[in-house]
């Protein structure tokens, strides 16, 4: 049992430090933002990304709020504001924004992925698995989703399911060493249960 615990700790250290649960920020530029109180921003998305990268989360939040005042139907900016809230540890507000982004665009994978990251952080692995399953239905050719779901399955002891997910991830991208490592840990843990 102790060995099983050590292996689980090892896989989470490897997985959570990797990009498996990285924050997903909108990749496309967002239109110009201008308000009376703030200088016009040529590219709100670029500025938001810079704030997040430099850990200026409060500024990212302010920028998101200002943008949403000019475009309250921007699912991308709800996702971004959710990222800012998540970075500030305000998970309830972040989930509300990710949910709003999903309501505005039910096929918007970044909002689902960011919500799943919060589920993982809160140790709601079954909730994360459900979200990753939705993501995979929307985007079945991205290995990262299978890897993330496999890690969440590993956390709840679904070793067979995690092995299936790691196998699928490897099929989609054979060049990621951590996928093979994750699968081996899952196989080893499955053997310990026999």
N, C-alpha and C. Protein backbone atom coordinates (compact mmCIF):
# COMPACT_ATOMS: atom_id res chain seq x y z
N UNK A 1 0.82 -1.19 0.00
CA UNK A 1 0.00 0.00 0.00
C UNK A 1 0.87 1.26 0.00
N UNK A 2 1.94 1.24 0.79
CA UNK A 2 2.84 2.39 0.85
C UNK A 2 3.45 2.66 -0.52
N UNK A 3 3.84 1.58 -1.25
CA UNK A 3 4.41 1.76 -2.59
C UNK A 3 3.40 2.41 -3.52
N UNK A 4 2.15 1.99 -3.41
CA UNK A 4 1.09 2.56 -4.24
C UNK A 4 0.99 4.07 -3.99
N UNK A 5 1.04 4.46 -2.71
CA UNK A 5 0.96 5.86 -2.35
C UNK A 5 2.13 6.64 -2.93
N UNK A 6 3.34 6.08 -2.84
CA UNK A 6 4.53 6.74 -3.37
C UNK A 6 4.41 6.92 -4.88
N UNK A 7 3.92 5.91 -5.58
CA UNK A 7 3.77 6.02 -7.02
C UNK A 7 2.74 7.08 -7.39
N UNK A 8 1.64 7.15 -6.65
CA UNK A 8 0.65 8.18 -6.92
C UNK A 8 1.24 9.57 -6.71
N UNK A 9 1.99 9.74 -5.64
CA UNK A 9 2.64 11.03 -5.39
C UNK A 9 3.57 11.37 -6.54
N UNK A 10 4.35 10.40 -6.99
CA UNK A 10 5.30 10.64 -8.08
C UNK A 10 4.58 11.06 -9.35
N UNK A 11 3.50 10.38 -9.69
CA UNK A 11 2.80 10.71 -10.94
C UNK A 11 2.19 12.09 -10.86
N UNK A 12 1.68 12.48 -9.70
CA UNK A 12 1.10 13.80 -9.59
C UNK A 12 2.15 14.89 -9.63
N UNK A 13 3.30 14.62 -9.05
CA UNK A 13 4.39 15.61 -9.12
C UNK A 13 4.82 15.81 -10.56
N UNK A 14 4.93 14.71 -11.30
CA UNK A 14 5.33 14.80 -12.71
C UNK A 14 4.24 15.49 -13.50
N UNK A 15 2.99 15.08 -13.27
CA UNK A 15 1.90 15.56 -14.11
C UNK A 15 1.51 16.99 -13.81
N UNK A 16 1.42 17.36 -12.54
CA UNK A 16 1.00 18.71 -12.21
C UNK A 16 2.07 19.73 -12.52
N UNK A 17 3.32 19.30 -12.58
CA UNK A 17 4.36 20.25 -12.93
C UNK A 17 4.51 20.36 -14.44
N UNK A 18 3.88 19.46 -15.18
CA UNK A 18 3.97 19.50 -16.63
C UNK A 18 2.87 20.41 -17.18
N UNK A 19 2.78 20.45 -18.47
CA UNK A 19 1.76 21.28 -19.10
C UNK A 19 0.44 20.57 -19.23
N UNK A 20 0.31 19.39 -18.61
CA UNK A 20 -0.94 18.64 -18.72
C UNK A 20 -2.13 19.45 -18.23
N UNK A 21 -1.93 20.26 -17.19
CA UNK A 21 -3.01 21.05 -16.65
C UNK A 21 -2.72 22.53 -16.81
N UNK A 22 -2.03 22.90 -17.85
CA UNK A 22 -1.68 24.30 -18.07
C UNK A 22 -2.94 25.11 -18.34
N UNK A 23 -2.89 26.33 -17.99
CA UNK A 23 -3.99 27.24 -18.24
C UNK A 23 -4.11 27.48 -19.74
N UNK A 24 -5.34 27.50 -20.21
CA UNK A 24 -5.57 27.76 -21.61
C UNK A 24 -6.12 29.16 -21.75
N UNK A 25 -5.38 30.00 -22.42
CA UNK A 25 -5.79 31.37 -22.66
C UNK A 25 -6.14 31.48 -24.14
N UNK A 26 -7.06 32.34 -24.45
CA UNK A 26 -7.50 32.54 -25.83
C UNK A 26 -6.32 32.82 -26.75
N UNK A 27 -6.18 32.05 -27.86
CA UNK A 27 -5.05 32.27 -28.73
C UNK A 27 -5.21 33.41 -29.72
N UNK A 28 -6.42 33.84 -29.99
CA UNK A 28 -6.61 34.84 -31.03
C UNK A 28 -6.69 36.25 -30.46
N UNK A 29 -6.30 37.25 -31.26
CA UNK A 29 -6.37 38.62 -30.78
C UNK A 29 -7.82 39.07 -30.57
N UNK A 30 -8.00 40.00 -29.67
CA UNK A 30 -9.32 40.55 -29.36
C UNK A 30 -9.33 42.00 -29.84
N UNK A 31 -10.49 42.52 -30.27
CA UNK A 31 -10.55 43.89 -30.77
C UNK A 31 -10.09 44.94 -29.76
N UNK A 32 -9.94 46.14 -30.26
CA UNK A 32 -9.43 47.26 -29.47
C UNK A 32 -10.37 47.58 -28.31
N UNK A 33 -9.77 47.93 -27.18
CA UNK A 33 -10.52 48.31 -26.00
C UNK A 33 -10.23 49.77 -25.70
N UNK A 34 -11.26 50.55 -25.48
CA UNK A 34 -11.05 51.96 -25.13
C UNK A 34 -12.09 52.36 -24.09
N UNK A 35 -11.65 53.03 -23.06
CA UNK A 35 -12.57 53.58 -22.07
C UNK A 35 -12.11 54.98 -21.75
N UNK A 36 -12.96 55.74 -21.07
CA UNK A 36 -12.61 57.11 -20.72
C UNK A 36 -11.50 57.15 -19.67
N UNK A 37 -11.44 56.15 -18.79
CA UNK A 37 -10.50 56.18 -17.68
C UNK A 37 -9.15 55.56 -18.03
N UNK A 38 -9.09 54.80 -19.09
CA UNK A 38 -7.88 54.04 -19.40
C UNK A 38 -7.44 54.34 -20.82
N UNK A 39 -6.13 54.35 -21.02
CA UNK A 39 -5.62 54.55 -22.37
C UNK A 39 -6.12 53.41 -23.26
N UNK A 40 -6.39 53.69 -24.53
CA UNK A 40 -6.81 52.62 -25.43
C UNK A 40 -5.76 51.52 -25.51
N UNK A 41 -6.25 50.31 -25.61
CA UNK A 41 -5.36 49.15 -25.71
C UNK A 41 -5.48 48.62 -27.13
N UNK A 42 -4.35 48.59 -27.83
CA UNK A 42 -4.39 48.13 -29.22
C UNK A 42 -4.76 46.67 -29.32
N UNK A 43 -4.32 45.91 -28.40
CA UNK A 43 -4.61 44.48 -28.47
C UNK A 43 -4.85 43.96 -27.06
N UNK A 44 -6.11 43.90 -26.67
CA UNK A 44 -6.47 43.49 -25.30
C UNK A 44 -5.96 42.09 -25.00
N UNK A 45 -6.03 41.20 -25.96
CA UNK A 45 -5.58 39.83 -25.72
C UNK A 45 -4.08 39.78 -25.44
N UNK A 46 -3.31 40.49 -26.23
CA UNK A 46 -1.87 40.49 -26.03
C UNK A 46 -1.52 41.07 -24.66
N UNK A 47 -2.18 42.15 -24.31
CA UNK A 47 -1.94 42.77 -23.01
C UNK A 47 -2.35 41.83 -21.88
N UNK A 48 -3.49 41.17 -22.03
CA UNK A 48 -3.94 40.21 -21.03
C UNK A 48 -2.89 39.11 -20.84
N UNK A 49 -2.42 38.55 -21.94
CA UNK A 49 -1.41 37.49 -21.88
C UNK A 49 -0.14 37.97 -21.17
N UNK A 50 0.26 39.20 -21.46
CA UNK A 50 1.45 39.76 -20.81
C UNK A 50 1.23 39.90 -19.30
N UNK A 51 0.05 40.34 -18.90
CA UNK A 51 -0.25 40.45 -17.48
C UNK A 51 -0.21 39.08 -16.79
N UNK A 52 -0.79 38.09 -17.43
CA UNK A 52 -0.80 36.75 -16.84
C UNK A 52 0.62 36.20 -16.75
N UNK A 53 1.39 36.34 -17.83
CA UNK A 53 2.77 35.83 -17.83
C UNK A 53 3.62 36.51 -16.76
N UNK A 54 3.39 37.79 -16.51
CA UNK A 54 4.18 38.52 -15.52
C UNK A 54 3.53 38.49 -14.13
N UNK A 55 2.51 37.64 -13.98
CA UNK A 55 1.80 37.43 -12.72
C UNK A 55 1.15 38.71 -12.18
N UNK A 56 0.72 39.57 -13.08
CA UNK A 56 -0.02 40.78 -12.71
C UNK A 56 -1.52 40.47 -12.86
N UNK A 57 -1.98 39.57 -12.02
CA UNK A 57 -3.34 39.04 -12.16
C UNK A 57 -4.41 40.09 -11.92
N UNK A 58 -4.17 41.01 -11.00
CA UNK A 58 -5.15 42.05 -10.73
C UNK A 58 -5.33 42.94 -11.97
N UNK A 59 -4.23 43.26 -12.63
CA UNK A 59 -4.32 44.06 -13.86
C UNK A 59 -5.05 43.29 -14.96
N UNK A 60 -4.79 42.00 -15.04
CA UNK A 60 -5.49 41.17 -16.02
C UNK A 60 -6.99 41.16 -15.74
N UNK A 61 -7.34 41.12 -14.48
CA UNK A 61 -8.74 41.15 -14.08
C UNK A 61 -9.39 42.48 -14.45
N UNK A 62 -8.71 43.57 -14.17
CA UNK A 62 -9.24 44.90 -14.50
C UNK A 62 -9.44 45.02 -16.02
N UNK A 63 -8.46 44.59 -16.78
CA UNK A 63 -8.57 44.64 -18.24
C UNK A 63 -9.76 43.82 -18.72
N UNK A 64 -9.92 42.63 -18.18
CA UNK A 64 -11.05 41.77 -18.57
C UNK A 64 -12.37 42.44 -18.24
N UNK A 65 -12.47 43.01 -17.05
CA UNK A 65 -13.72 43.68 -16.66
C UNK A 65 -14.04 44.84 -17.59
N UNK A 66 -13.03 45.63 -17.92
CA UNK A 66 -13.25 46.77 -18.83
C UNK A 66 -13.71 46.27 -20.20
N UNK A 67 -13.07 45.24 -20.70
CA UNK A 67 -13.43 44.72 -22.01
C UNK A 67 -14.86 44.19 -22.00
N UNK A 68 -15.23 43.48 -20.93
CA UNK A 68 -16.58 42.92 -20.86
C UNK A 68 -17.64 44.01 -20.78
N UNK A 69 -17.28 45.20 -20.31
CA UNK A 69 -18.23 46.32 -20.32
C UNK A 69 -18.52 46.76 -21.75
N UNK A 70 -17.53 46.64 -22.63
CA UNK A 70 -17.72 47.04 -24.02
C UNK A 70 -18.29 45.91 -24.87
N UNK A 71 -18.04 44.66 -24.47
CA UNK A 71 -18.54 43.50 -25.22
C UNK A 71 -18.96 42.41 -24.24
N UNK A 72 -20.17 42.48 -23.71
CA UNK A 72 -20.61 41.51 -22.70
C UNK A 72 -20.88 40.11 -23.24
N UNK A 73 -20.75 39.92 -24.53
CA UNK A 73 -20.96 38.60 -25.13
C UNK A 73 -19.66 37.95 -25.59
N UNK A 74 -18.54 38.43 -25.11
CA UNK A 74 -17.25 37.88 -25.51
C UNK A 74 -16.92 36.65 -24.67
N UNK A 75 -17.18 35.48 -25.23
CA UNK A 75 -16.88 34.25 -24.49
C UNK A 75 -15.38 34.12 -24.25
N UNK A 76 -14.56 34.66 -25.17
CA UNK A 76 -13.11 34.62 -24.98
C UNK A 76 -12.69 35.42 -23.74
N UNK A 77 -13.32 36.59 -23.56
CA UNK A 77 -12.92 37.43 -22.43
C UNK A 77 -13.48 36.90 -21.12
N UNK A 78 -14.63 36.23 -21.15
CA UNK A 78 -15.09 35.55 -19.93
C UNK A 78 -14.08 34.47 -19.54
N UNK A 79 -13.60 33.75 -20.53
CA UNK A 79 -12.57 32.74 -20.26
C UNK A 79 -11.33 33.42 -19.66
N UNK A 80 -10.91 34.51 -20.27
CA UNK A 80 -9.72 35.22 -19.76
C UNK A 80 -9.93 35.71 -18.33
N UNK A 81 -11.09 36.29 -18.06
CA UNK A 81 -11.34 36.77 -16.71
C UNK A 81 -11.35 35.60 -15.73
N UNK A 82 -11.88 34.48 -16.18
CA UNK A 82 -11.84 33.28 -15.35
C UNK A 82 -10.42 32.86 -15.04
N UNK A 83 -9.53 32.97 -16.03
CA UNK A 83 -8.11 32.67 -15.81
C UNK A 83 -7.52 33.61 -14.76
N UNK A 84 -7.88 34.88 -14.84
CA UNK A 84 -7.39 35.84 -13.85
C UNK A 84 -7.90 35.49 -12.45
N UNK A 85 -9.19 35.18 -12.34
CA UNK A 85 -9.74 34.78 -11.05
C UNK A 85 -9.06 33.50 -10.54
N UNK A 86 -8.86 32.54 -11.44
CA UNK A 86 -8.20 31.29 -11.06
C UNK A 86 -6.81 31.57 -10.54
N UNK A 87 -6.10 32.45 -11.20
CA UNK A 87 -4.74 32.80 -10.80
C UNK A 87 -4.71 33.49 -9.45
N UNK A 88 -5.80 34.17 -9.11
CA UNK A 88 -5.92 34.84 -7.81
C UNK A 88 -6.48 33.91 -6.74
N UNK A 89 -6.76 32.65 -7.12
CA UNK A 89 -7.29 31.68 -6.17
C UNK A 89 -8.78 31.83 -5.90
N UNK A 90 -9.47 32.62 -6.72
CA UNK A 90 -10.90 32.84 -6.56
C UNK A 90 -11.66 31.86 -7.48
N UNK A 91 -11.64 30.60 -7.07
CA UNK A 91 -12.13 29.52 -7.92
C UNK A 91 -13.62 29.60 -8.23
N UNK A 92 -14.44 30.02 -7.26
CA UNK A 92 -15.88 30.11 -7.52
C UNK A 92 -16.18 31.13 -8.61
N UNK A 93 -15.53 32.29 -8.54
CA UNK A 93 -15.72 33.30 -9.58
C UNK A 93 -15.18 32.83 -10.93
N UNK A 94 -14.06 32.12 -10.88
CA UNK A 94 -13.47 31.60 -12.12
C UNK A 94 -14.44 30.62 -12.79
N UNK A 95 -14.99 29.70 -12.02
CA UNK A 95 -15.92 28.70 -12.58
C UNK A 95 -17.14 29.39 -13.17
N UNK A 96 -17.64 30.43 -12.50
CA UNK A 96 -18.79 31.17 -13.04
C UNK A 96 -18.46 31.75 -14.42
N UNK A 97 -17.26 32.30 -14.55
CA UNK A 97 -16.87 32.87 -15.85
C UNK A 97 -16.65 31.79 -16.90
N UNK A 98 -16.06 30.68 -16.52
CA UNK A 98 -15.90 29.60 -17.50
C UNK A 98 -17.26 29.07 -17.93
N UNK A 99 -18.19 28.95 -16.98
CA UNK A 99 -19.55 28.53 -17.33
C UNK A 99 -20.22 29.53 -18.26
N UNK A 100 -20.02 30.82 -18.00
CA UNK A 100 -20.61 31.86 -18.87
C UNK A 100 -20.02 31.76 -20.28
N UNK A 101 -18.71 31.53 -20.38
CA UNK A 101 -18.08 31.36 -21.69
C UNK A 101 -18.68 30.16 -22.42
N UNK A 102 -18.92 29.09 -21.68
CA UNK A 102 -19.50 27.88 -22.28
C UNK A 102 -20.94 28.12 -22.71
N UNK A 103 -21.70 28.89 -21.93
CA UNK A 103 -23.07 29.23 -22.32
C UNK A 103 -23.05 30.02 -23.63
N UNK A 104 -22.11 30.96 -23.74
CA UNK A 104 -22.02 31.78 -24.96
C UNK A 104 -21.49 31.00 -26.15
N UNK A 105 -20.67 29.97 -25.89
CA UNK A 105 -20.13 29.14 -26.97
C UNK A 105 -19.90 27.74 -26.43
N UNK A 106 -20.88 26.86 -26.63
CA UNK A 106 -20.82 25.52 -26.04
C UNK A 106 -19.70 24.65 -26.61
N UNK A 107 -19.04 25.10 -27.66
CA UNK A 107 -17.93 24.34 -28.25
C UNK A 107 -16.56 24.93 -27.93
N UNK A 108 -16.51 25.84 -26.97
CA UNK A 108 -15.27 26.55 -26.67
C UNK A 108 -14.42 25.75 -25.68
N UNK A 109 -13.51 24.96 -26.21
CA UNK A 109 -12.69 24.03 -25.44
C UNK A 109 -11.86 24.71 -24.34
N UNK A 110 -11.24 25.88 -24.58
CA UNK A 110 -10.43 26.48 -23.50
C UNK A 110 -11.20 26.70 -22.20
N UNK A 111 -12.46 27.08 -22.27
CA UNK A 111 -13.24 27.30 -21.04
C UNK A 111 -13.46 25.98 -20.30
N UNK A 112 -13.77 24.93 -21.04
CA UNK A 112 -13.91 23.61 -20.42
C UNK A 112 -12.58 23.19 -19.77
N UNK A 113 -11.48 23.37 -20.50
CA UNK A 113 -10.17 22.94 -20.00
C UNK A 113 -9.80 23.69 -18.73
N UNK A 114 -10.05 24.98 -18.70
CA UNK A 114 -9.74 25.76 -17.50
C UNK A 114 -10.62 25.35 -16.32
N UNK A 115 -11.86 25.04 -16.60
CA UNK A 115 -12.75 24.56 -15.54
C UNK A 115 -12.26 23.23 -14.99
N UNK A 116 -11.79 22.36 -15.87
CA UNK A 116 -11.27 21.06 -15.44
C UNK A 116 -10.04 21.23 -14.55
N UNK A 117 -9.20 22.21 -14.86
CA UNK A 117 -8.02 22.48 -14.03
C UNK A 117 -8.45 22.82 -12.60
N UNK A 118 -9.51 23.61 -12.46
CA UNK A 118 -10.00 23.95 -11.13
C UNK A 118 -10.52 22.70 -10.42
N UNK A 119 -11.22 21.87 -11.15
CA UNK A 119 -11.72 20.62 -10.54
C UNK A 119 -10.54 19.80 -10.01
N UNK A 120 -9.46 19.73 -10.77
CA UNK A 120 -8.27 19.00 -10.33
C UNK A 120 -7.70 19.65 -9.07
N UNK A 121 -7.57 20.97 -9.09
CA UNK A 121 -7.00 21.68 -7.92
C UNK A 121 -7.84 21.46 -6.66
N UNK A 122 -9.15 21.32 -6.85
CA UNK A 122 -10.04 21.08 -5.72
C UNK A 122 -10.20 19.59 -5.41
N UNK A 123 -9.44 18.77 -6.12
CA UNK A 123 -9.45 17.32 -5.94
C UNK A 123 -10.80 16.69 -6.28
N UNK A 124 -11.55 17.34 -7.17
CA UNK A 124 -12.80 16.78 -7.68
C UNK A 124 -12.46 16.06 -8.99
N UNK A 125 -11.83 14.90 -8.85
CA UNK A 125 -11.32 14.18 -10.01
C UNK A 125 -12.44 13.65 -10.89
N UNK A 126 -13.54 13.20 -10.27
CA UNK A 126 -14.67 12.72 -11.07
C UNK A 126 -15.27 13.86 -11.90
N UNK A 127 -15.37 15.04 -11.29
CA UNK A 127 -15.85 16.21 -12.04
C UNK A 127 -14.92 16.54 -13.19
N UNK A 128 -13.61 16.45 -12.94
CA UNK A 128 -12.62 16.72 -14.00
C UNK A 128 -12.75 15.69 -15.12
N UNK A 129 -12.95 14.43 -14.75
CA UNK A 129 -13.10 13.38 -15.77
C UNK A 129 -14.30 13.67 -16.65
N UNK A 130 -15.41 14.07 -16.05
CA UNK A 130 -16.61 14.41 -16.83
C UNK A 130 -16.32 15.54 -17.82
N UNK A 131 -15.60 16.56 -17.35
CA UNK A 131 -15.29 17.69 -18.23
C UNK A 131 -14.34 17.26 -19.34
N UNK A 132 -13.31 16.50 -19.00
CA UNK A 132 -12.38 16.04 -20.04
C UNK A 132 -13.09 15.15 -21.06
N UNK A 133 -14.07 14.39 -20.63
CA UNK A 133 -14.84 13.57 -21.56
C UNK A 133 -15.59 14.47 -22.55
N UNK A 134 -16.15 15.58 -22.06
CA UNK A 134 -16.81 16.54 -22.96
C UNK A 134 -15.80 17.16 -23.92
N UNK A 135 -14.64 17.51 -23.38
CA UNK A 135 -13.60 18.12 -24.22
C UNK A 135 -13.19 17.16 -25.33
N UNK A 136 -13.01 15.89 -24.98
CA UNK A 136 -12.59 14.90 -25.98
C UNK A 136 -13.65 14.74 -27.06
N UNK A 137 -14.92 14.84 -26.68
CA UNK A 137 -15.99 14.78 -27.68
C UNK A 137 -15.89 15.96 -28.65
N UNK A 138 -15.48 17.11 -28.14
CA UNK A 138 -15.34 18.31 -28.99
C UNK A 138 -14.04 18.32 -29.77
N UNK A 139 -12.98 17.77 -29.19
CA UNK A 139 -11.64 17.85 -29.78
C UNK A 139 -10.93 16.50 -29.60
N UNK A 140 -11.33 15.49 -30.36
CA UNK A 140 -10.83 14.13 -30.14
C UNK A 140 -9.39 13.88 -30.60
N UNK A 141 -8.77 14.84 -31.22
CA UNK A 141 -7.43 14.61 -31.77
C UNK A 141 -6.31 15.30 -31.01
N UNK A 142 -6.59 15.79 -29.81
CA UNK A 142 -5.56 16.44 -29.00
C UNK A 142 -5.16 15.50 -27.87
N UNK A 143 -3.94 15.05 -27.90
CA UNK A 143 -3.43 14.08 -26.94
C UNK A 143 -3.46 14.59 -25.50
N UNK A 144 -3.35 15.92 -25.33
CA UNK A 144 -3.30 16.48 -23.98
C UNK A 144 -4.57 16.19 -23.18
N UNK A 145 -5.71 16.16 -23.86
CA UNK A 145 -6.98 15.91 -23.18
C UNK A 145 -7.02 14.47 -22.64
N UNK A 146 -6.55 13.53 -23.46
CA UNK A 146 -6.51 12.14 -23.01
C UNK A 146 -5.53 11.97 -21.85
N UNK A 147 -4.40 12.64 -21.93
CA UNK A 147 -3.43 12.57 -20.85
C UNK A 147 -4.01 13.13 -19.56
N UNK A 148 -4.67 14.28 -19.64
CA UNK A 148 -5.25 14.89 -18.45
C UNK A 148 -6.34 14.01 -17.85
N UNK A 149 -7.19 13.46 -18.70
CA UNK A 149 -8.24 12.57 -18.18
C UNK A 149 -7.62 11.30 -17.59
N UNK A 150 -6.56 10.81 -18.23
CA UNK A 150 -5.87 9.63 -17.71
C UNK A 150 -5.30 9.88 -16.33
N UNK A 151 -4.75 11.06 -16.11
CA UNK A 151 -4.20 11.40 -14.79
C UNK A 151 -5.32 11.49 -13.76
N UNK A 152 -6.43 12.10 -14.13
CA UNK A 152 -7.57 12.19 -13.20
C UNK A 152 -8.11 10.79 -12.89
N UNK A 153 -8.16 9.93 -13.90
CA UNK A 153 -8.61 8.56 -13.65
C UNK A 153 -7.64 7.83 -12.73
N UNK A 154 -6.39 8.07 -12.91
CA UNK A 154 -5.38 7.47 -12.05
C UNK A 154 -5.62 7.87 -10.59
N UNK A 155 -6.01 9.12 -10.39
CA UNK A 155 -6.22 9.64 -9.03
C UNK A 155 -7.38 8.95 -8.32
N UNK A 156 -8.36 8.47 -9.07
CA UNK A 156 -9.49 7.79 -8.43
C UNK A 156 -9.34 6.28 -8.45
N UNK A 157 -8.22 5.81 -8.95
CA UNK A 157 -7.97 4.36 -8.96
C UNK A 157 -8.52 3.63 -10.17
N UNK A 158 -8.92 4.36 -11.19
CA UNK A 158 -9.39 3.73 -12.44
C UNK A 158 -8.17 3.50 -13.33
N UNK A 159 -7.39 2.49 -12.98
CA UNK A 159 -6.12 2.24 -13.67
C UNK A 159 -6.33 1.78 -15.11
N UNK A 160 -7.32 0.92 -15.32
CA UNK A 160 -7.60 0.47 -16.70
C UNK A 160 -8.00 1.65 -17.59
N UNK A 161 -8.88 2.50 -17.07
CA UNK A 161 -9.30 3.68 -17.83
C UNK A 161 -8.15 4.61 -18.11
N UNK A 162 -7.28 4.78 -17.13
CA UNK A 162 -6.13 5.67 -17.34
C UNK A 162 -5.18 5.08 -18.38
N UNK A 163 -4.98 3.77 -18.34
CA UNK A 163 -4.13 3.12 -19.35
C UNK A 163 -4.71 3.34 -20.74
N UNK A 164 -6.02 3.19 -20.88
CA UNK A 164 -6.67 3.43 -22.18
C UNK A 164 -6.42 4.86 -22.66
N UNK A 165 -6.57 5.82 -21.74
CA UNK A 165 -6.35 7.22 -22.12
C UNK A 165 -4.90 7.48 -22.50
N UNK A 166 -3.96 6.92 -21.74
CA UNK A 166 -2.55 7.12 -22.07
C UNK A 166 -2.21 6.46 -23.40
N UNK A 167 -2.80 5.28 -23.66
CA UNK A 167 -2.58 4.63 -24.96
C UNK A 167 -3.08 5.50 -26.10
N UNK A 168 -4.26 6.09 -25.93
CA UNK A 168 -4.81 6.97 -26.98
C UNK A 168 -3.94 8.20 -27.16
N UNK A 169 -3.47 8.77 -26.06
CA UNK A 169 -2.59 9.94 -26.14
C UNK A 169 -1.32 9.59 -26.89
N UNK A 170 -0.75 8.42 -26.61
CA UNK A 170 0.47 7.98 -27.30
C UNK A 170 0.20 7.76 -28.78
N UNK A 171 -0.97 7.24 -29.10
CA UNK A 171 -1.33 7.06 -30.52
C UNK A 171 -1.35 8.41 -31.24
N UNK A 172 -1.81 9.44 -30.54
CA UNK A 172 -1.90 10.77 -31.15
C UNK A 172 -0.57 11.52 -31.16
N UNK A 173 0.31 11.21 -30.20
CA UNK A 173 1.62 11.88 -30.15
C UNK A 173 2.63 10.95 -29.49
N UNK A 174 3.41 10.30 -30.29
CA UNK A 174 4.39 9.32 -29.78
C UNK A 174 5.66 9.97 -29.24
N UNK A 175 5.78 11.27 -29.32
CA UNK A 175 7.02 11.96 -28.97
C UNK A 175 7.05 12.57 -27.57
N UNK A 176 6.07 12.24 -26.74
CA UNK A 176 6.01 12.81 -25.39
C UNK A 176 6.34 11.71 -24.39
N UNK A 177 7.53 11.81 -23.81
CA UNK A 177 8.02 10.76 -22.90
C UNK A 177 7.12 10.58 -21.68
N UNK A 178 6.55 11.66 -21.16
CA UNK A 178 5.74 11.55 -19.95
C UNK A 178 4.50 10.69 -20.17
N UNK A 179 4.02 10.58 -21.40
CA UNK A 179 2.87 9.72 -21.67
C UNK A 179 3.22 8.26 -21.39
N UNK A 180 4.39 7.84 -21.82
CA UNK A 180 4.85 6.48 -21.58
C UNK A 180 5.07 6.25 -20.09
N UNK A 181 5.63 7.25 -19.42
CA UNK A 181 5.86 7.14 -17.98
C UNK A 181 4.54 7.03 -17.22
N UNK A 182 3.57 7.86 -17.60
CA UNK A 182 2.26 7.81 -16.96
C UNK A 182 1.61 6.44 -17.15
N UNK A 183 1.71 5.92 -18.36
CA UNK A 183 1.12 4.60 -18.64
C UNK A 183 1.80 3.51 -17.81
N UNK A 184 3.11 3.60 -17.67
CA UNK A 184 3.82 2.60 -16.88
C UNK A 184 3.43 2.65 -15.42
N UNK A 185 3.26 3.84 -14.89
CA UNK A 185 2.81 3.97 -13.50
C UNK A 185 1.43 3.35 -13.35
N UNK A 186 0.52 3.64 -14.29
CA UNK A 186 -0.83 3.08 -14.24
C UNK A 186 -0.78 1.55 -14.32
N UNK A 187 0.05 1.02 -15.19
CA UNK A 187 0.20 -0.44 -15.30
C UNK A 187 0.72 -1.03 -14.00
N UNK A 188 1.70 -0.38 -13.41
CA UNK A 188 2.27 -0.88 -12.16
C UNK A 188 1.23 -0.86 -11.05
N UNK A 189 0.48 0.22 -10.94
CA UNK A 189 -0.55 0.30 -9.91
C UNK A 189 -1.66 -0.74 -10.13
N UNK A 190 -1.97 -1.00 -11.40
CA UNK A 190 -2.96 -2.03 -11.71
C UNK A 190 -2.44 -3.39 -11.25
N UNK A 191 -1.17 -3.66 -11.48
CA UNK A 191 -0.57 -4.94 -11.03
C UNK A 191 -0.63 -5.06 -9.51
N UNK A 192 -0.43 -3.99 -8.80
CA UNK A 192 -0.47 -4.03 -7.34
C UNK A 192 -1.85 -4.37 -6.79
N UNK A 193 -2.89 -4.12 -7.60
CA UNK A 193 -4.25 -4.41 -7.15
C UNK A 193 -4.63 -5.87 -7.36
N UNK A 194 -3.81 -6.61 -8.08
CA UNK A 194 -4.14 -8.02 -8.36
C UNK A 194 -3.74 -8.92 -7.23
